[in-house]
Amino acid sequence: MDNTTFLTRRHALQWAAAASASSTLSAFGQSDWPQGKAITFVVPFTAGSGTDVIARTIAEKLGPLLGAQIVIDNKTGAGGTVGAALVAKAPADGYTLLVHSSGHVVNPALYPKLSYDTLKDFDGITPLASLPNVIVVSPAKGYKDVADLVAKAKAQPGALNYASAGNGSATHMNAEKFRVATGIQAQHVPYRGTPEALTETASGRIDWFFAPLVSALPLIQSGRLQALAVSTAQRSPLLPQIPSITDAGYASAAYTFWVGLFVTAKTPKPIVNKLHAGVMQVLAMPDVKDRLDKLGAAAMPMQQEAFEKYLDSETASAAQLVKAAGIKIE
């Protein structure tokens, strides 16, 4: 299924989904979980990454709603697989959760020897938010626009480079989709996380980086980075003067970065239901929506069954992209 089409339909229904689940958590009162015990959100990317910022935004409101402290634990490495493996092996008791990006569904195609099964070892609760990436460059590079960058890359096949927040991350897949759509050759330079990739791009050592808008915006506003286009089909209200990748003439490169919440498979259904209802309430809160708006993000509430189908579709699409781009992780 085309990702842009799916997202358009999803945005049309998302608040209806939130409303249907916004009844109080007392509906699931049979479960005593979490009994005041701390809950850990494992985020497989660095602090300050788009996934991390979304996780913290949700945790701040969900913790009090559940009557428990939510701790953020950044377990980075290998495109998010280190943190995911930790949650896959955790007890299925609802106290260790995974907040992962759309890179989660890419990893089965990139890492054939994963220690976990992406679809079978996790139960999806709901997507939390979608947000655009933005292609950023150092102003010193002198790129006028996306077409100029593409022209220079084609004039020097393999000479330019691009950063990512790690192999298989959403920032990596966004860049690969762009590379396939434009037919350019360039060298991929993976970093441990978004902050490092932004620093290297601002320094000029990296030619371009599809960065989460929430992370790149301060550097764009300060002039340390130049934004060429946002990755989505539509412009971002936070950068209305910057074209979308579709406006820039590369509609087939459009990509949306999403962040979702997962639990270890076989977590008791009352806990899963309580988590889902709680997150739906948080995503419907006006102050959360306002916070997400300021981050350039949009709440992405979804019923669990719909999320599972979405994960199946996204995993299949990601495998096709990995094959088309010829990506191999050594």
Protein backbone atom coordinates (compact mmCIF):
# COMPACT_ATOMS: atom_id res chain seq x y z
CA MET A 1 0.00 0.00 0.00
CA ASP A 2 1.28 3.45 -0.83
CA ASN A 3 2.47 5.08 2.40
CA THR A 4 1.23 8.56 1.49
CA THR A 5 -2.25 7.23 0.65
CA PHE A 6 -2.39 5.29 3.91
CA LEU A 7 -1.34 8.31 5.92
CA THR A 8 -3.91 10.54 4.24
CA ARG A 9 -6.67 8.11 5.19
CA ARG A 10 -5.23 7.71 8.65
CA HIS A 11 -5.18 11.45 9.32
CA ALA A 12 -8.83 11.65 8.28
CA LEU A 13 -9.77 9.05 10.91
CA GLN A 14 -7.21 9.54 13.66
CA TRP A 15 -9.19 11.83 15.94
CA ALA A 16 -12.28 9.65 15.59
CA ALA A 17 -10.14 6.77 16.80
CA ALA A 18 -8.91 8.82 19.72
CA ALA A 19 -12.44 9.81 20.69
CA SER A 20 -13.63 6.20 20.70
CA ALA A 21 -10.90 5.28 23.16
CA SER A 22 -10.87 8.36 25.37
CA SER A 23 -13.11 6.93 28.08
CA THR A 24 -11.44 6.82 31.47
CA LEU A 25 -8.97 4.09 32.34
CA SER A 26 -11.38 2.75 34.95
CA ALA A 27 -12.92 0.70 32.14
CA PHE A 28 -9.95 -1.61 32.54
CA GLY A 29 -9.98 -1.64 36.32
CA GLN A 30 -9.63 -5.45 36.52
CA SER A 31 -5.87 -4.98 36.16
CA ASP A 32 -3.95 -3.63 39.14
CA TRP A 33 -1.02 -2.86 36.87
CA PRO A 34 1.13 -0.82 37.26
CA GLN A 35 0.69 -0.83 41.08
CA GLY A 36 2.83 2.29 41.39
CA LYS A 37 5.90 0.56 39.96
CA ALA A 38 8.09 2.45 37.51
CA ILE A 39 7.63 1.77 33.80
CA THR A 40 10.57 1.99 31.42
CA PHE A 41 10.31 3.36 27.89
CA VAL A 42 13.29 1.90 26.03
CA VAL A 43 14.21 4.34 23.24
CA PRO A 44 16.77 2.78 20.86
CA PHE A 45 18.16 6.15 19.76
CA THR A 46 20.05 8.95 21.47
CA ALA A 47 18.57 11.64 23.67
CA GLY A 48 17.49 14.55 21.48
CA SER A 49 16.53 12.36 18.53
CA GLY A 50 13.02 12.67 17.09
CA THR A 51 11.98 9.33 18.62
CA ASP A 52 13.32 10.36 22.02
CA VAL A 53 11.54 13.73 22.03
CA ILE A 54 8.20 12.12 21.13
CA ALA A 55 8.70 9.44 23.82
CA ARG A 56 9.35 12.05 26.49
CA THR A 57 6.35 14.13 25.40
CA ILE A 58 4.01 11.14 25.82
CA ALA A 59 5.65 9.81 29.00
CA GLU A 60 5.25 13.14 30.79
CA LYS A 61 1.45 12.84 30.57
CA LEU A 62 0.98 9.07 30.56
CA GLY A 63 2.87 8.48 33.82
CA PRO A 64 0.49 10.51 36.01
CA LEU A 65 -2.50 9.06 34.18
CA LEU A 66 -1.36 5.53 35.05
CA GLY A 67 -0.17 6.47 38.53
CA ALA A 68 3.41 5.46 37.82
CA GLN A 69 6.75 7.04 36.98
CA ILE A 70 7.90 6.47 33.40
CA VAL A 71 11.67 6.35 32.94
CA ILE A 72 13.31 6.89 29.55
CA ASP A 73 16.20 4.50 28.87
CA ASN A 74 18.20 5.26 25.69
CA LYS A 75 19.68 1.96 24.49
CA THR A 76 21.36 2.87 21.22
CA GLY A 77 23.10 0.87 18.53
CA ALA A 78 22.66 -1.12 15.30
CA GLY A 79 19.76 0.88 13.88
CA GLY A 80 17.64 0.46 16.98
CA THR A 81 18.04 -3.32 17.19
CA VAL A 82 19.93 -3.22 20.50
CA GLY A 83 17.05 -1.56 22.33
CA ALA A 84 14.44 -3.66 20.52
CA ALA A 85 16.21 -6.89 21.48
CA LEU A 86 16.21 -5.82 25.13
CA VAL A 87 12.43 -5.34 25.11
CA ALA A 88 11.81 -8.55 23.12
CA LYS A 89 13.54 -10.51 25.90
CA ALA A 90 11.96 -8.58 28.79
CA PRO A 91 9.23 -10.11 30.95
CA ALA A 92 5.80 -9.65 29.39
CA ASP A 93 4.51 -7.69 32.37
CA GLY A 94 4.06 -4.19 30.95
CA TYR A 95 6.97 -2.61 32.79
CA THR A 96 9.45 -2.51 29.86
CA LEU A 97 8.10 -0.92 26.69
CA LEU A 98 9.66 0.02 23.36
CA VAL A 99 9.28 3.39 21.67
CA HIS A 100 10.66 2.92 18.17
CA SER A 101 10.56 4.75 14.87
CA SER A 102 9.51 3.59 11.43
CA GLY A 103 13.02 2.14 11.22
CA HIS A 104 11.72 -0.76 13.34
CA VAL A 105 9.99 -2.35 10.34
CA VAL A 106 13.11 -2.01 8.16
CA ASN A 107 15.42 -4.07 10.33
CA PRO A 108 14.12 -7.54 9.31
CA ALA A 109 15.29 -6.82 5.76
CA LEU A 110 18.61 -5.36 6.88
CA TYR A 111 19.57 -7.80 9.61
CA PRO A 112 18.64 -11.37 8.61
CA LYS A 113 20.12 -12.75 11.84
CA LEU A 114 18.16 -10.60 14.30
CA SER A 115 17.78 -12.16 17.74
CA TYR A 116 14.07 -11.34 17.68
CA ASP A 117 11.14 -11.39 15.25
CA THR A 118 9.95 -7.84 14.56
CA LEU A 119 6.32 -8.81 14.03
CA LYS A 120 5.94 -11.80 16.35
CA ASP A 121 7.92 -10.72 19.42
CA PHE A 122 6.12 -7.40 19.93
CA ASP A 123 2.54 -6.26 20.24
CA GLY A 124 1.92 -2.80 18.80
CA ILE A 125 -0.01 -0.46 21.09
CA THR A 126 -0.43 2.47 18.70
CA PRO A 127 1.62 4.90 16.64
CA LEU A 128 2.28 8.00 18.75
CA ALA A 129 3.07 10.65 16.15
CA SER A 130 4.21 11.27 12.63
CA LEU A 131 6.67 13.97 11.76
CA PRO A 132 8.58 15.10 8.71
CA ASN A 133 12.27 14.82 8.21
CA VAL A 134 14.01 17.76 6.59
CA ILE A 135 16.96 17.57 4.22
CA VAL A 136 19.62 19.82 5.71
CA VAL A 137 23.03 20.93 4.46
CA SER A 138 25.75 23.25 5.63
CA PRO A 139 25.22 26.77 4.23
CA ALA A 140 28.91 26.73 3.32
CA LYS A 141 28.23 24.01 0.75
CA GLY A 142 26.41 26.53 -1.43
CA TYR A 143 23.55 24.27 -2.53
CA LYS A 144 20.76 26.44 -3.93
CA ASP A 145 17.99 23.84 -3.72
CA VAL A 146 17.33 20.09 -3.97
CA ALA A 147 17.75 20.10 -7.74
CA ASP A 148 21.17 21.71 -7.34
CA LEU A 149 22.21 19.03 -4.83
CA VAL A 150 21.00 16.27 -7.15
CA ALA A 151 22.82 17.81 -10.13
CA LYS A 152 26.11 18.00 -8.21
CA ALA A 153 25.71 14.43 -6.97
CA LYS A 154 25.13 13.21 -10.54
CA ALA A 155 28.14 15.16 -11.78
CA GLN A 156 30.34 13.38 -9.22
CA PRO A 157 28.94 9.84 -8.82
CA GLY A 158 29.87 8.45 -5.40
CA ALA A 159 31.83 11.54 -4.33
CA LEU A 160 29.19 13.10 -2.06
CA ASN A 161 28.06 11.63 1.24
CA TYR A 162 24.97 11.64 3.43
CA ALA A 163 24.47 10.99 7.12
CA SER A 164 21.97 8.93 9.06
CA ALA A 165 21.23 8.27 12.73
CA GLY A 166 22.28 4.66 12.18
CA ASN A 167 21.86 1.81 9.74
CA GLY A 168 18.19 1.05 9.25
CA SER A 169 16.98 4.17 11.05
CA ALA A 170 14.15 6.24 9.58
CA THR A 171 16.73 8.88 8.62
CA HIS A 172 18.67 6.23 6.69
CA MET A 173 15.59 4.90 4.88
CA ASN A 174 14.48 8.42 4.00
CA ALA A 175 17.86 9.09 2.40
CA GLU A 176 17.78 5.79 0.52
CA LYS A 177 14.30 6.47 -0.83
CA PHE A 178 15.57 9.87 -2.00
CA ARG A 179 18.65 8.29 -3.57
CA VAL A 180 16.60 5.68 -5.44
CA ALA A 181 14.05 8.29 -6.60
CA THR A 182 16.73 10.64 -7.93
CA GLY A 183 19.07 7.98 -9.31
CA ILE A 184 22.14 9.39 -7.59
CA GLN A 185 25.13 7.58 -6.11
CA ALA A 186 26.59 8.72 -2.80
CA GLN A 187 28.27 7.33 0.30
CA HIS A 188 26.26 6.56 3.42
CA VAL A 189 27.85 7.59 6.73
CA PRO A 190 25.91 6.19 9.71
CA TYR A 191 26.24 7.84 13.13
CA ARG A 192 25.21 6.69 16.58
CA GLY A 193 22.36 9.17 16.66
CA THR A 194 20.77 12.32 15.26
CA PRO A 195 22.76 14.88 17.33
CA GLU A 196 26.08 13.57 15.99
CA ALA A 197 24.82 13.52 12.41
CA LEU A 198 23.56 17.10 12.74
CA THR A 199 26.90 18.28 14.11
CA GLU A 200 28.81 16.65 11.25
CA THR A 201 26.44 18.07 8.66
CA ALA A 202 26.71 21.58 10.11
CA SER A 203 30.50 21.28 10.03
CA GLY A 204 30.43 20.54 6.30
CA ARG A 205 31.97 17.09 6.62
CA ILE A 206 28.63 15.63 5.50
CA ASP A 207 26.89 16.80 2.33
CA TRP A 208 23.31 16.21 3.45
CA PHE A 209 21.18 14.61 6.14
CA PHE A 210 17.45 13.84 6.31
CA ALA A 211 17.04 14.92 9.94
CA PRO A 212 13.92 14.80 12.10
CA LEU A 213 12.49 18.32 11.91
CA VAL A 214 12.08 18.49 15.68
CA SER A 215 15.84 17.96 16.13
CA ALA A 216 17.05 20.12 13.25
CA LEU A 217 14.79 23.14 13.70
CA PRO A 218 16.95 25.04 16.25
CA LEU A 219 20.00 24.72 13.99
CA ILE A 220 17.99 25.84 10.97
CA GLN A 221 16.64 28.84 12.86
CA SER A 222 20.14 29.80 14.05
CA GLY A 223 21.52 29.60 10.51
CA ARG A 224 23.95 26.76 11.23
CA LEU A 225 22.01 24.50 8.86
CA GLN A 226 20.19 25.24 5.60
CA ALA A 227 16.91 23.41 4.93
CA LEU A 228 16.32 22.39 1.31
CA ALA A 229 13.02 20.52 1.62
CA VAL A 230 10.86 18.61 4.08
CA SER A 231 10.49 14.91 3.37
CA THR A 232 6.70 14.76 3.26
CA ALA A 233 4.33 15.46 0.37
CA GLN A 234 3.05 18.59 2.15
CA ARG A 235 4.97 21.54 3.58
CA SER A 236 5.46 21.90 7.32
CA PRO A 237 3.72 24.78 9.13
CA LEU A 238 6.98 25.29 11.03
CA LEU A 239 8.89 25.90 7.78
CA PRO A 240 6.23 27.24 5.40
CA GLN A 241 8.84 28.84 3.15
CA ILE A 242 10.63 25.49 2.61
CA PRO A 243 9.24 23.28 -0.17
CA SER A 244 8.06 19.75 0.39
CA ILE A 245 10.00 17.08 -1.46
CA THR A 246 7.01 16.88 -3.81
CA ASP A 247 7.12 20.63 -4.43
CA ALA A 248 10.82 20.24 -5.16
CA GLY A 249 9.97 17.85 -8.00
CA TYR A 250 10.64 14.46 -6.39
CA ALA A 251 7.22 13.14 -5.36
CA SER A 252 8.38 9.51 -5.36
CA ALA A 253 10.88 10.38 -2.62
CA ALA A 254 8.18 11.46 -0.13
CA TYR A 255 8.65 9.81 3.26
CA THR A 256 6.97 10.14 6.65
CA PHE A 257 8.79 9.36 9.88
CA TRP A 258 6.49 7.81 12.51
CA VAL A 259 7.08 6.79 16.11
CA GLY A 260 5.18 3.97 17.79
CA LEU A 261 4.75 2.24 21.16
CA PHE A 262 5.25 -1.51 21.58
CA VAL A 263 5.14 -4.11 24.35
CA THR A 264 6.70 -7.55 24.59
CA ALA A 265 4.47 -10.14 22.93
CA LYS A 266 2.08 -12.05 25.24
CA THR A 267 1.72 -9.11 27.62
CA PRO A 268 -1.65 -9.69 29.38
CA LYS A 269 -4.54 -8.18 27.46
CA PRO A 270 -5.82 -6.04 30.39
CA ILE A 271 -2.41 -4.32 30.53
CA VAL A 272 -2.32 -3.83 26.75
CA ASN A 273 -5.84 -2.40 26.82
CA LYS A 274 -5.01 -0.07 29.71
CA LEU A 275 -1.90 1.19 27.92
CA HIS A 276 -3.78 1.74 24.68
CA ALA A 277 -6.61 3.62 26.38
CA GLY A 278 -4.14 5.74 28.33
CA VAL A 279 -2.10 6.70 25.27
CA MET A 280 -5.25 7.53 23.34
CA GLN A 281 -6.28 9.89 26.14
CA VAL A 282 -2.85 11.53 26.12
CA LEU A 283 -2.87 12.03 22.35
CA ALA A 284 -6.28 13.71 22.58
CA MET A 285 -5.10 16.23 25.23
CA PRO A 286 -5.08 19.80 23.82
CA ASP A 287 -1.74 20.63 25.46
CA VAL A 288 -0.14 17.50 23.97
CA LYS A 289 -1.50 18.38 20.55
CA ASP A 290 -0.10 21.89 20.99
CA ARG A 291 3.27 20.50 22.01
CA LEU A 292 3.34 18.19 18.99
CA ASP A 293 2.35 21.07 16.72
CA LYS A 294 5.34 23.03 17.98
CA LEU A 295 7.55 20.05 17.18
CA GLY A 296 6.18 19.87 13.65
CA ALA A 297 4.56 16.54 14.52
CA ALA A 298 0.99 15.22 14.37
CA ALA A 299 -0.64 12.80 16.79
CA MET A 300 -1.19 9.42 15.15
CA PRO A 301 -3.71 7.49 17.29
CA MET A 302 -4.74 4.15 15.85
CA GLN A 303 -6.68 1.13 17.07
CA GLN A 304 -4.47 -1.87 17.81
CA GLU A 305 -5.80 -4.05 15.02
CA ALA A 306 -5.28 -1.24 12.49
CA PHE A 307 -1.75 -0.69 13.81
CA GLU A 308 -0.90 -4.39 13.37
CA LYS A 309 -2.10 -4.26 9.75
CA TYR A 310 -0.13 -1.06 9.23
CA LEU A 311 3.01 -2.74 10.58
CA ASP A 312 2.55 -5.64 8.15
CA SER A 313 2.19 -3.21 5.24
CA GLU A 314 5.14 -1.05 6.33
CA THR A 315 7.40 -4.10 6.79
CA ALA A 316 6.63 -5.29 3.27
CA SER A 317 7.23 -1.80 1.81
CA ALA A 318 10.51 -1.47 3.70
CA ALA A 319 11.75 -4.80 2.35
CA GLN A 320 11.02 -3.60 -1.19
CA LEU A 321 12.98 -0.37 -0.58
CA VAL A 322 15.96 -2.23 0.89
CA LYS A 323 16.05 -4.47 -2.19
CA ALA A 324 15.63 -1.57 -4.65
CA ALA A 325 18.39 0.42 -2.95
CA GLY A 326 20.69 -2.58 -2.73
CA ILE A 327 21.34 -1.93 0.96
CA LYS A 328 23.56 -4.44 2.74
CA ILE A 329 24.71 -4.16 6.33
CA GLU A 330 28.09 -5.79 6.82
